[in-house]
Amino acid sequence: MHSTLIVARMSPGDGDDVAKLFSDFDATDMPHLMGTRRRQLFSYRGLYFHLQDFDAEDGGEAIEAAKTHPSFVRISADLKPFIQAYDPDTWRSPADAMAQRFYHWSAR
């Protein structure tokens, strides 16, 4: 399984709106097309954390393939009023907002 964690900024009161957008998105065939196994959204003091687990080792390839799908383009546009880049000066793509894992443990 492959996981990604996107870090961005979100106003504390926008969680319900963002959750609704993802609830509608996840009710489509897009999670299957992207190989998404699980999505979790977190907020903490104006920060937004989007943890996504994929079936494949490299979920990035599946996302790249799905980026031009109309549903993916739509949710990206719909999230813009709610989610801002953590560092707008360096943001060029979602890859610029992905946290780098430096430790991992799991039960066998």
C-alpha atoms as a PDB file:
ATOM      1  CA  MET A   1       0.000   0.000   0.000  1.00  0.00           C
ATOM      2  CA  HIS A   2       1.149   3.551  -0.764  1.00  0.00           C
ATOM      3  CA  SER A   3       0.137   6.599   1.278  1.00  0.00           C
ATOM      4  CA  THR A   4       0.345  10.316   0.619  1.00  0.00           C
ATOM      5  CA  LEU A   5      -0.171  13.183   3.033  1.00  0.00           C
ATOM      6  CA  ILE A   6      -0.980  16.607   1.615  1.00  0.00           C
ATOM      7  CA  VAL A   7      -0.512  19.600   3.912  1.00  0.00           C
ATOM      8  CA  ALA A   8      -2.236  22.899   3.160  1.00  0.00           C
ATOM      9  CA  ARG A   9      -4.111  25.716   4.854  1.00  0.00           C
ATOM     10  CA  MET A  10      -7.837  25.755   5.577  1.00  0.00           C
ATOM     11  CA  SER A  11     -10.006  28.041   7.668  1.00  0.00           C
ATOM     12  CA  PRO A  12     -11.277  26.139  10.719  1.00  0.00           C
ATOM     13  CA  GLY A  13     -14.935  26.619   9.743  1.00  0.00           C
ATOM     14  CA  ASP A  14     -14.579  25.105   6.266  1.00  0.00           C
ATOM     15  CA  GLY A  15     -14.258  21.452   7.254  1.00  0.00           C
ATOM     16  CA  ASP A  16     -17.905  20.577   6.640  1.00  0.00           C
ATOM     17  CA  ASP A  17     -17.829  22.065   3.131  1.00  0.00           C
ATOM     18  CA  VAL A  18     -14.614  20.245   2.243  1.00  0.00           C
ATOM     19  CA  ALA A  19     -15.954  16.975   3.691  1.00  0.00           C
ATOM     20  CA  LYS A  20     -19.109  17.299   1.560  1.00  0.00           C
ATOM     21  CA  LEU A  21     -17.062  17.860  -1.602  1.00  0.00           C
ATOM     22  CA  PHE A  22     -15.024  14.727  -0.915  1.00  0.00           C
ATOM     23  CA  SER A  23     -18.099  12.724   0.098  1.00  0.00           C
ATOM     24  CA  ASP A  24     -19.672  13.478  -3.283  1.00  0.00           C
ATOM     25  CA  PHE A  25     -16.368  12.781  -5.093  1.00  0.00           C
ATOM     26  CA  ASP A  26     -15.840   9.481  -3.274  1.00  0.00           C
ATOM     27  CA  ALA A  27     -19.362   8.357  -4.226  1.00  0.00           C
ATOM     28  CA  THR A  28     -18.255   8.337  -7.894  1.00  0.00           C
ATOM     29  CA  ASP A  29     -15.977   5.886  -9.679  1.00  0.00           C
ATOM     30  CA  MET A  30     -12.953   8.155  -9.146  1.00  0.00           C
ATOM     31  CA  PRO A  31     -11.563   6.449  -6.018  1.00  0.00           C
ATOM     32  CA  HIS A  32     -11.566   3.155  -7.923  1.00  0.00           C
ATOM     33  CA  LEU A  33      -9.890   4.735 -10.969  1.00  0.00           C
ATOM     34  CA  MET A  34      -7.188   6.257  -8.760  1.00  0.00           C
ATOM     35  CA  GLY A  35      -6.712   3.088  -6.702  1.00  0.00           C
ATOM     36  CA  THR A  36      -7.748   4.909  -3.529  1.00  0.00           C
ATOM     37  CA  ARG A  37      -8.319   2.549  -0.640  1.00  0.00           C
ATOM     38  CA  ARG A  38      -8.922   5.127   2.109  1.00  0.00           C
ATOM     39  CA  ARG A  39      -9.081   8.897   2.482  1.00  0.00           C
ATOM     40  CA  GLN A  40      -8.885  10.779   5.785  1.00  0.00           C
ATOM     41  CA  LEU A  41      -9.077  14.541   6.251  1.00  0.00           C
ATOM     42  CA  PHE A  42      -7.762  16.318   9.339  1.00  0.00           C
ATOM     43  CA  SER A  43      -7.523  19.910  10.460  1.00  0.00           C
ATOM     44  CA  TYR A  44      -5.470  21.559  13.167  1.00  0.00           C
ATOM     45  CA  ARG A  45      -5.252  25.290  13.861  1.00  0.00           C
ATOM     46  CA  GLY A  46      -5.728  26.438  10.299  1.00  0.00           C
ATOM     47  CA  LEU A  47      -3.868  23.524   8.737  1.00  0.00           C
ATOM     48  CA  TYR A  48      -5.407  20.883   6.485  1.00  0.00           C
ATOM     49  CA  PHE A  49      -4.098  17.318   6.250  1.00  0.00           C
ATOM     50  CA  HIS A  50      -5.284  14.955   3.523  1.00  0.00           C
ATOM     51  CA  LEU A  51      -4.134  11.377   4.092  1.00  0.00           C
ATOM     52  CA  GLN A  52      -4.815   9.038   1.205  1.00  0.00           C
ATOM     53  CA  ASP A  53      -3.985   5.330   0.960  1.00  0.00           C
ATOM     54  CA  PHE A  54      -3.697   3.540  -2.372  1.00  0.00           C
ATOM     55  CA  ASP A  55      -3.836  -0.097  -3.416  1.00  0.00           C
ATOM     56  CA  ALA A  56      -0.687   0.192  -5.516  1.00  0.00           C
ATOM     57  CA  GLU A  57       2.821   0.885  -4.293  1.00  0.00           C
ATOM     58  CA  ASP A  58       2.923   4.113  -6.286  1.00  0.00           C
ATOM     59  CA  GLY A  59      -0.386   5.943  -5.991  1.00  0.00           C
ATOM     60  CA  GLY A  60       1.199   8.899  -7.738  1.00  0.00           C
ATOM     61  CA  GLU A  61       0.997   7.149 -11.098  1.00  0.00           C
ATOM     62  CA  ALA A  62      -2.734   6.537 -10.694  1.00  0.00           C
ATOM     63  CA  ILE A  63      -3.330  10.164  -9.691  1.00  0.00           C
ATOM     64  CA  GLU A  64      -1.317  11.402 -12.674  1.00  0.00           C
ATOM     65  CA  ALA A  65      -3.449   9.255 -14.964  1.00  0.00           C
ATOM     66  CA  ALA A  66      -6.686  10.568 -13.384  1.00  0.00           C
ATOM     67  CA  LYS A  67      -5.738  14.274 -13.235  1.00  0.00           C
ATOM     68  CA  THR A  68      -7.448  15.097 -16.512  1.00  0.00           C
ATOM     69  CA  HIS A  69     -10.681  13.257 -15.667  1.00  0.00           C
ATOM     70  CA  PRO A  70     -13.587  15.765 -15.467  1.00  0.00           C
ATOM     71  CA  SER A  71     -14.462  14.702 -11.882  1.00  0.00           C
ATOM     72  CA  PHE A  72     -10.878  15.275 -10.727  1.00  0.00           C
ATOM     73  CA  VAL A  73     -10.718  18.652 -12.487  1.00  0.00           C
ATOM     74  CA  ARG A  74     -14.069  19.617 -10.918  1.00  0.00           C
ATOM     75  CA  ILE A  75     -13.140  18.763  -7.326  1.00  0.00           C
ATOM     76  CA  SER A  76      -9.819  20.561  -7.723  1.00  0.00           C
ATOM     77  CA  ALA A  77     -11.703  23.705  -8.785  1.00  0.00           C
ATOM     78  CA  ASP A  78     -14.379  23.277  -6.096  1.00  0.00           C
ATOM     79  CA  LEU A  79     -11.723  23.030  -3.356  1.00  0.00           C
ATOM     80  CA  LYS A  80      -9.947  26.268  -4.341  1.00  0.00           C
ATOM     81  CA  PRO A  81     -12.118  28.544  -2.168  1.00  0.00           C
ATOM     82  CA  PHE A  82     -11.391  26.360   0.877  1.00  0.00           C
ATOM     83  CA  ILE A  83      -7.844  24.997   0.533  1.00  0.00           C
ATOM     84  CA  GLN A  84      -4.803  27.237   0.115  1.00  0.00           C
ATOM     85  CA  ALA A  85      -1.230  26.159  -0.490  1.00  0.00           C
ATOM     86  CA  TYR A  86       0.873  25.910   2.647  1.00  0.00           C
ATOM     87  CA  ASP A  87       3.613  27.898   0.901  1.00  0.00           C
ATOM     88  CA  PRO A  88       2.165  29.724  -2.130  1.00  0.00           C
ATOM     89  CA  ASP A  89       5.623  30.896  -3.204  1.00  0.00           C
ATOM     90  CA  THR A  90       6.847  27.355  -3.857  1.00  0.00           C
ATOM     91  CA  TRP A  91       3.619  25.586  -4.866  1.00  0.00           C
ATOM     92  CA  ARG A  92       3.480  24.400  -8.472  1.00  0.00           C
ATOM     93  CA  SER A  93       1.528  21.142  -8.117  1.00  0.00           C
ATOM     94  CA  PRO A  94       0.085  18.888  -5.376  1.00  0.00           C
ATOM     95  CA  ALA A  95       3.488  17.194  -5.160  1.00  0.00           C
ATOM     96  CA  ASP A  96       4.802  20.426  -3.617  1.00  0.00           C
ATOM     97  CA  ALA A  97       2.351  19.998  -0.736  1.00  0.00           C
ATOM     98  CA  MET A  98       3.095  16.361   0.064  1.00  0.00           C
ATOM     99  CA  ALA A  99       4.774  15.611   3.350  1.00  0.00           C
ATOM    100  CA  GLN A 100       7.811  13.342   3.245  1.00  0.00           C
ATOM    101  CA  ARG A 101       7.548  10.263   5.424  1.00  0.00           C
ATOM    102  CA  PHE A 102      10.678   9.750   7.499  1.00  0.00           C
ATOM    103  CA  TYR A 103       9.537   6.855   9.701  1.00  0.00           C
ATOM    104  CA  HIS A 104       7.050   4.040   9.360  1.00  0.00           C
ATOM    105  CA  TRP A 105       6.089   1.101  11.546  1.00  0.00           C
ATOM    106  CA  SER A 106       3.326  -1.469  11.169  1.00  0.00           C
ATOM    107  CA  ALA A 107       2.281  -4.641  12.929  1.00  0.00           C
ATOM    108  CA  ARG A 108       3.014  -7.777  10.977  1.00  0.00           C
END
